């Protein structure tokens, strides 16, 4: 993938703006989600802890979206998303107010969308669609994806922000809709000094998906280089599929993180169903480490998570929900559900129960 491929597509979309009339119609929409829950986490050998947490069904956020119809099939748009913590009123990310998304776009009905700014990386976009818990809450697949254990993510980023979810300074081209079930896009992000301390890096990624009937398949690859990836790119690959067997949706996804001789592989199987005001969902996620970091063998750092959730929709805007989660660790692994007591020994089990309310506005 070369910079010219994105630059050319962007030029086509941006260039078409020259031919449209001056008159245009625009709209600004302010919306958001407030989600708060109570959670109890029990970790082997260290007891239990209770907490009030934000965003366990959907991430609490404030959204501002702008759309302007420029005519001739061309539109301009902008999106700002601010994550917030309902339990404390704090911002979700201390150093970024618009931490979730901050993008400006030009969209053409025939040529697709050129989008610039902070956004989700291709691998995350595919993976999270297949996670019935949407990467949040006690049973989120993100419990098993972190820079805490020795492995490729920690080696590539240390304690800095990583690109397993979002990247700064991106330029994207997204396929137009109406291609008979085909969708996807490509992304580049400028390294801007390749400063690992600031969580920056040069990012190259792409995703492609296809839906036909009740089946959809998708794949993505994202590669990052920064000042810590001296032995090659950090690679994040995803392959997944969904099958709709009304009223049940089944999913299967495979994700790998690689850097030099270290690898983390995740396998996720999921099921969800909606009937009337009710939603039921479940997932099984297995994390397997292999290889080595330097002279440290990481083969024993494996974990398995089971999650079960229920949502009752009081209206189109408001819902009540409950989630159960259990993480079983093998060998040296000690993955836990967040907000539990610290100090669990390797190989222990972490269990969680939460109940909450979500409101959209």
Protein backbone atom coordinates (compact mmCIF):
# COMPACT_ATOMS: atom_id res chain seq x y z
CA UNK A 1 0.00 0.00 0.00
CA UNK A 2 1.47 3.34 -0.99
CA UNK A 3 0.69 6.90 -0.02
CA UNK A 4 -0.26 7.62 -3.62
CA UNK A 5 -3.23 5.25 -3.46
CA UNK A 6 -4.90 7.28 -0.72
CA UNK A 7 -3.70 10.63 -2.01
CA UNK A 8 -5.18 9.95 -5.44
CA UNK A 9 -8.55 8.92 -4.04
CA UNK A 10 -8.65 11.94 -1.74
CA UNK A 11 -7.77 14.23 -4.62
CA UNK A 12 -10.68 12.89 -6.67
CA UNK A 13 -13.16 13.53 -3.87
CA UNK A 14 -11.76 16.90 -2.81
CA UNK A 15 -11.29 17.98 -6.41
CA UNK A 16 -14.90 17.34 -7.32
CA UNK A 17 -15.88 20.15 -4.93
CA UNK A 18 -14.74 22.65 -7.58
CA UNK A 19 -17.65 21.78 -9.84
CA UNK A 20 -20.56 22.18 -7.38
CA UNK A 21 -22.76 25.27 -6.98
CA UNK A 22 -22.27 27.66 -4.08
CA UNK A 23 -25.70 27.00 -2.54
CA UNK A 24 -25.66 24.30 0.13
CA UNK A 25 -27.80 23.00 3.01
CA UNK A 26 -26.26 22.00 6.32
CA UNK A 27 -27.30 20.51 9.67
CA UNK A 28 -25.69 20.22 13.10
CA UNK A 29 -26.69 17.44 15.49
CA UNK A 30 -25.77 17.18 19.15
CA UNK A 31 -26.38 13.80 20.76
CA UNK A 32 -24.89 11.50 23.34
CA UNK A 33 -25.07 8.51 25.66
CA UNK A 34 -25.10 8.43 29.46
CA UNK A 35 -24.44 4.95 30.83
CA UNK A 36 -23.72 4.03 34.45
CA UNK A 37 -23.62 0.71 36.31
CA UNK A 38 -22.75 -0.90 39.62
CA UNK A 39 -20.14 -3.66 39.40
CA UNK A 40 -18.85 -6.30 41.81
CA UNK A 41 -15.58 -8.04 40.97
CA UNK A 42 -14.19 -11.04 42.87
CA UNK A 43 -10.57 -12.13 42.33
CA UNK A 44 -9.08 -15.34 43.68
CA UNK A 45 -7.18 -14.92 46.93
CA UNK A 46 -7.76 -11.16 47.32
CA UNK A 47 -11.52 -10.88 47.89
CA UNK A 48 -14.12 -8.67 46.23
CA UNK A 49 -14.67 -4.99 45.45
CA UNK A 50 -17.70 -2.93 44.51
CA UNK A 51 -17.63 0.05 42.14
CA UNK A 52 -19.84 2.45 40.23
CA UNK A 53 -18.62 2.51 36.62
CA UNK A 54 -19.38 4.41 33.42
CA UNK A 55 -20.16 2.99 29.99
CA UNK A 56 -20.77 -0.72 30.52
CA UNK A 57 -23.37 -1.15 27.78
CA UNK A 58 -22.33 1.77 25.58
CA UNK A 59 -19.50 4.21 26.15
CA UNK A 60 -20.74 7.43 27.75
CA UNK A 61 -20.09 10.25 25.29
CA UNK A 62 -21.05 13.59 23.80
CA UNK A 63 -21.33 13.72 20.00
CA UNK A 64 -21.37 16.67 17.62
CA UNK A 65 -21.96 15.88 13.95
CA UNK A 66 -22.18 18.24 11.00
CA UNK A 67 -23.41 17.44 7.48
CA UNK A 68 -23.55 19.84 4.52
CA UNK A 69 -25.06 18.93 1.18
CA UNK A 70 -22.91 20.61 -1.47
CA UNK A 71 -24.97 19.34 -4.39
CA UNK A 72 -24.05 17.06 -7.25
CA UNK A 73 -23.72 14.05 -4.97
CA UNK A 74 -21.03 15.74 -2.84
CA UNK A 75 -21.32 16.27 0.92
CA UNK A 76 -19.07 17.67 3.63
CA UNK A 77 -19.16 16.37 7.17
CA UNK A 78 -17.46 16.55 10.54
CA UNK A 79 -17.69 14.42 13.68
CA UNK A 80 -16.52 15.14 17.23
CA UNK A 81 -16.88 12.58 20.04
CA UNK A 82 -15.98 13.31 23.66
CA UNK A 83 -15.79 10.41 26.11
CA UNK A 84 -16.89 11.11 29.68
CA UNK A 85 -17.19 9.29 33.00
CA UNK A 86 -20.74 9.47 34.35
CA UNK A 87 -19.69 8.09 37.76
CA UNK A 88 -17.30 11.00 38.42
CA UNK A 89 -18.04 13.64 35.78
CA UNK A 90 -14.42 13.47 34.60
CA UNK A 91 -13.20 13.37 31.02
CA UNK A 92 -12.41 9.86 29.81
CA UNK A 93 -8.93 10.75 28.54
CA UNK A 94 -7.04 13.46 30.41
CA UNK A 95 -4.96 14.74 27.49
CA UNK A 96 -7.65 14.63 24.77
CA UNK A 97 -11.07 16.28 25.02
CA UNK A 98 -12.32 14.84 21.72
CA UNK A 99 -10.68 11.51 22.55
CA UNK A 100 -13.01 9.16 20.69
CA UNK A 101 -13.18 10.73 17.25
CA UNK A 102 -12.34 14.07 15.63
CA UNK A 103 -12.67 13.97 11.83
CA UNK A 104 -13.58 16.08 8.80
CA UNK A 105 -14.83 14.42 5.60
CA UNK A 106 -15.77 15.00 1.99
CA UNK A 107 -18.16 12.36 0.66
CA UNK A 108 -19.05 11.62 -2.95
CA UNK A 109 -21.83 9.21 -3.92
CA UNK A 110 -19.63 7.63 -6.62
CA UNK A 111 -16.09 7.99 -5.28
CA UNK A 112 -16.54 7.32 -1.56
CA UNK A 113 -15.35 9.29 1.46
CA UNK A 114 -12.09 11.07 2.20
CA UNK A 115 -11.74 11.41 5.99
CA UNK A 116 -9.00 13.12 8.01
CA UNK A 117 -8.34 13.21 11.77
CA UNK A 118 -8.42 10.92 14.79
CA UNK A 119 -10.41 7.74 14.11
CA UNK A 120 -10.70 3.99 14.61
CA UNK A 121 -8.07 1.79 12.98
CA UNK A 122 -9.26 -0.83 10.44
CA UNK A 123 -8.53 -3.87 12.64
CA UNK A 124 -10.60 -2.49 15.52
CA UNK A 125 -13.49 -1.59 13.21
CA UNK A 126 -13.81 -5.21 12.10
CA UNK A 127 -13.21 -6.78 15.53
CA UNK A 128 -15.66 -4.66 17.52
CA UNK A 129 -18.51 -5.39 15.13
CA UNK A 130 -18.14 -9.04 16.09
CA UNK A 131 -17.96 -8.38 19.85
CA UNK A 132 -21.59 -8.51 21.15
CA UNK A 133 -20.49 -6.43 24.17
CA UNK A 134 -19.08 -3.71 21.88
CA UNK A 135 -15.67 -3.73 23.59
CA UNK A 136 -17.15 -2.30 26.85
CA UNK A 137 -18.41 -3.58 30.20
CA UNK A 138 -17.45 -6.47 32.44
CA UNK A 139 -17.50 -9.00 29.58
CA UNK A 140 -15.73 -6.89 26.98
CA UNK A 141 -13.14 -8.62 24.83
CA UNK A 142 -10.83 -5.70 25.69
CA UNK A 143 -10.20 -7.33 29.09
CA UNK A 144 -7.80 -9.65 27.24
CA UNK A 145 -6.21 -6.92 25.09
CA UNK A 146 -3.80 -4.71 27.05
CA UNK A 147 -0.18 -3.69 27.45
CA UNK A 148 0.03 -5.10 31.00
CA UNK A 149 1.32 -8.64 30.27
CA UNK A 150 4.68 -9.15 28.60
CA UNK A 151 3.94 -9.55 24.90
CA UNK A 152 3.74 -7.74 21.55
CA UNK A 153 1.50 -4.85 22.69
CA UNK A 154 3.67 -3.99 25.70
CA UNK A 155 6.83 -4.30 23.61
CA UNK A 156 5.48 -1.98 20.92
CA UNK A 157 4.08 0.77 23.15
CA UNK A 158 5.25 0.38 26.74
CA UNK A 159 2.98 2.61 28.85
CA UNK A 160 2.18 4.98 25.95
CA UNK A 161 -1.13 5.14 24.09
CA UNK A 162 -1.40 2.38 21.49
CA UNK A 163 -3.13 1.95 18.13
CA UNK A 164 -5.18 -1.17 18.85
CA UNK A 165 -8.33 1.02 18.82
CA UNK A 166 -7.61 4.49 17.39
CA UNK A 167 -4.88 6.47 15.70
CA UNK A 168 -4.11 10.18 15.46
CA UNK A 169 -3.19 12.12 12.31
CA UNK A 170 -4.97 9.77 9.92
CA UNK A 171 -5.96 10.09 6.26
CA UNK A 172 -8.55 7.59 5.02
CA UNK A 173 -10.45 6.68 1.93
CA UNK A 174 -13.65 4.67 2.43
CA UNK A 175 -15.56 2.85 -0.30
CA UNK A 176 -18.94 4.32 -1.30
CA UNK A 177 -22.14 2.56 -0.31
CA UNK A 178 -24.21 0.71 -2.85
CA UNK A 179 -21.51 -1.68 -4.07
CA UNK A 180 -23.61 -4.81 -3.67
CA UNK A 181 -22.52 -5.67 -0.13
CA UNK A 182 -18.87 -4.67 -0.52
CA UNK A 183 -17.40 -2.19 1.99
CA UNK A 184 -13.97 -1.22 3.27
CA UNK A 185 -11.25 1.38 3.26
CA UNK A 186 -7.58 2.21 3.67
CA UNK A 187 -5.80 4.35 6.29
CA UNK A 188 -2.47 6.09 6.65
CA UNK A 189 -1.26 8.02 9.70
CA UNK A 190 1.75 10.31 9.78
CA UNK A 191 4.45 9.34 12.25
CA UNK A 192 5.16 12.98 13.20
CA UNK A 193 8.46 12.14 14.84
CA UNK A 194 7.57 8.52 15.70
CA UNK A 195 7.31 9.59 19.36
CA UNK A 196 6.34 6.48 21.37
CA UNK A 197 6.05 8.48 24.58
CA UNK A 198 3.20 10.46 23.06
CA UNK A 199 1.62 7.32 21.63
CA UNK A 200 2.29 8.35 18.05
CA UNK A 201 3.44 6.19 15.19
CA UNK A 202 3.29 5.67 11.46
CA UNK A 203 0.17 3.60 10.77
CA UNK A 204 -0.80 1.77 7.58
CA UNK A 205 -4.04 -0.20 7.49
CA UNK A 206 -6.87 -1.55 5.36
CA UNK A 207 -10.11 -3.46 5.75
CA UNK A 208 -12.51 -5.17 3.37
CA UNK A 209 -15.87 -6.77 4.00
CA UNK A 210 -18.61 -8.44 1.97
CA UNK A 211 -22.20 -9.29 2.87
CA UNK A 212 -24.35 -11.72 0.94
CA UNK A 213 -27.71 -12.83 2.22
CA UNK A 214 -27.45 -13.82 5.89
CA UNK A 215 -23.65 -14.08 5.83
CA UNK A 216 -21.00 -11.39 6.18
CA UNK A 217 -17.22 -11.75 6.19
CA UNK A 218 -14.48 -9.19 6.81
CA UNK A 219 -10.71 -8.93 7.17
CA UNK A 220 -8.35 -6.14 8.24
CA UNK A 221 -4.66 -5.47 8.81
CA UNK A 222 -3.09 -2.55 10.67
CA UNK A 223 0.66 -2.00 11.03
CA UNK A 224 2.36 0.56 13.26
CA UNK A 225 5.94 1.77 13.56
CA UNK A 226 7.22 4.02 16.35
CA UNK A 227 10.41 4.57 18.33
CA UNK A 228 9.98 1.24 20.17
CA UNK A 229 9.33 -1.00 17.15
CA UNK A 230 12.97 -1.28 16.17
CA UNK A 231 12.67 -4.94 15.11
CA UNK A 232 9.86 -4.37 12.60
CA UNK A 233 6.23 -3.28 12.46
CA UNK A 234 3.66 -4.04 15.13
CA UNK A 235 1.04 -6.04 13.22
CA UNK A 236 -2.65 -6.26 14.14
CA UNK A 237 -4.71 -8.60 11.92
CA UNK A 238 -8.38 -9.63 12.08
CA UNK A 239 -10.52 -12.13 10.20
CA UNK A 240 -14.19 -12.63 11.08
CA UNK A 241 -17.62 -13.77 9.94
CA UNK A 242 -21.25 -13.46 11.03
CA UNK A 243 -24.27 -15.61 10.26
CA UNK A 244 -27.84 -14.43 10.82
CA UNK A 245 -30.15 -17.30 11.74
CA UNK A 246 -33.24 -15.31 12.70
CA UNK A 247 -33.58 -14.30 15.42
CA UNK A 248 -30.04 -15.37 16.40
CA UNK A 249 -26.80 -13.84 15.12
CA UNK A 250 -23.66 -15.99 15.37
CA UNK A 251 -20.12 -14.62 15.09
CA UNK A 252 -16.58 -15.94 14.91
CA UNK A 253 -13.44 -13.79 14.85
CA UNK A 254 -9.67 -14.31 14.95
CA UNK A 255 -7.26 -11.52 15.90
CA UNK A 256 -3.47 -11.58 16.18
CA UNK A 257 -0.92 -9.09 17.50
CA UNK A 258 2.67 -9.66 16.39
CA UNK A 259 6.01 -8.00 16.99
CA UNK A 260 9.34 -9.70 16.26
CA UNK A 261 9.25 -13.15 17.95
CA UNK A 262 6.18 -12.50 20.14
CA UNK A 263 2.54 -13.13 19.29
CA UNK A 264 -0.85 -12.90 20.95
CA UNK A 265 -3.76 -14.68 19.26
CA UNK A 266 -7.42 -14.22 20.23
CA UNK A 267 -10.35 -16.36 19.17
CA UNK A 268 -13.86 -15.05 19.86
CA UNK A 269 -17.14 -16.91 19.38
CA UNK A 270 -20.36 -15.01 20.01
CA UNK A 271 -24.14 -15.20 19.84
CA UNK A 272 -26.83 -12.56 20.23
CA UNK A 273 -30.58 -12.30 19.79
CA UNK A 274 -33.20 -9.56 19.97
CA UNK A 275 -36.93 -10.22 20.46
CA UNK A 276 -39.32 -7.45 21.35
CA UNK A 277 -37.80 -5.31 24.10
CA UNK A 278 -35.30 -8.01 25.04
CA UNK A 279 -31.68 -8.60 24.00
CA UNK A 280 -29.55 -11.57 25.03
CA UNK A 281 -25.87 -11.93 24.19
CA UNK A 282 -22.96 -14.21 25.00
CA UNK A 283 -19.29 -14.52 24.08
CA UNK A 284 -16.33 -16.82 24.62
CA UNK A 285 -12.86 -15.35 24.12
CA UNK A 286 -9.55 -17.22 24.30
CA UNK A 287 -6.20 -15.41 24.44
CA UNK A 288 -3.02 -17.35 23.66
CA UNK A 289 0.51 -15.95 23.91
CA UNK A 290 3.44 -17.57 22.12
CA UNK A 291 7.08 -16.92 21.34
CA UNK A 292 9.41 -14.73 23.35
CA UNK A 293 10.25 -11.15 24.23
CA UNK A 294 14.02 -10.98 24.39
CA UNK A 295 14.95 -14.04 26.44
CA UNK A 296 11.54 -14.26 28.17
CA UNK A 297 9.29 -17.07 26.93
CA UNK A 298 5.61 -15.99 27.04
CA UNK A 299 3.89 -19.26 26.12
CA UNK A 300 2.26 -19.63 29.58
CA UNK A 301 0.32 -16.34 29.54
CA UNK A 302 -3.08 -17.66 28.37
CA UNK A 303 -6.62 -16.69 29.47
CA UNK A 304 -10.24 -17.57 28.69
CA UNK A 305 -13.26 -15.31 29.25
CA UNK A 306 -16.96 -16.17 29.30
CA UNK A 307 -19.57 -13.41 29.15
CA UNK A 308 -23.36 -13.37 29.35
CA UNK A 309 -25.52 -10.26 29.04
CA UNK A 310 -29.17 -9.19 29.05
CA UNK A 311 -30.68 -5.86 27.98
CA UNK A 312 -34.27 -4.72 28.49
CA UNK A 313 -35.23 -1.72 26.37
CA UNK A 314 -37.66 0.49 28.28
CA UNK A 315 -37.91 2.71 25.20
CA UNK A 316 -35.90 3.59 22.09
CA UNK A 317 -33.65 5.73 24.30
CA UNK A 318 -33.48 4.02 27.70
CA UNK A 319 -32.44 0.50 28.65
CA UNK A 320 -31.68 -1.57 31.73
CA UNK A 321 -28.97 -4.23 31.51
CA UNK A 322 -27.01 -6.86 33.42
CA UNK A 323 -23.76 -8.69 32.65
CA UNK A 324 -21.90 -11.69 34.04
CA UNK A 325 -18.22 -12.36 33.27
CA UNK A 326 -15.61 -14.92 34.28
CA UNK A 327 -11.90 -14.93 33.34
CA UNK A 328 -9.85 -18.10 33.89
CA UNK A 329 -6.07 -17.77 33.70
CA UNK A 330 -3.42 -20.36 32.94
CA UNK A 331 0.21 -20.43 33.99
CA UNK A 332 1.67 -16.95 34.44
CA UNK A 333 -1.44 -15.07 33.26
CA UNK A 334 -3.37 -12.92 35.75
CA UNK A 335 -5.94 -11.06 33.65
CA UNK A 336 -8.82 -9.58 35.68
CA UNK A 337 -12.04 -7.68 35.13
CA UNK A 338 -11.34 -3.99 35.81
CA UNK A 339 -12.32 -2.32 39.10
CA UNK A 340 -11.58 -5.40 41.19
CA UNK A 341 -9.14 -5.82 44.11
CA UNK A 342 -5.45 -5.84 43.18
CA UNK A 343 -2.91 -8.56 43.84
CA UNK A 344 -4.45 -11.72 42.36
CA UNK A 345 -1.84 -14.42 41.82
CA UNK A 346 -1.04 -15.83 38.39
CA UNK A 347 -3.39 -18.57 37.26
CA UNK A 348 -6.31 -17.20 39.27
CA UNK A 349 -9.94 -16.58 38.34
CA UNK A 350 -11.69 -13.21 38.14
CA UNK A 351 -15.50 -12.98 38.25
CA UNK A 352 -17.81 -10.00 37.83
CA UNK A 353 -21.48 -9.06 38.02
CA UNK A 354 -22.83 -5.68 36.94
CA UNK A 355 -26.21 -4.00 36.42
CA UNK A 356 -26.85 -0.58 34.94
CA UNK A 357 -28.93 1.87 32.96
CA UNK A 358 -28.19 3.49 29.59
CA UNK A 359 -29.86 6.57 28.14
CA UNK A 360 -29.40 8.01 24.65
CA UNK A 361 -30.25 11.60 23.82
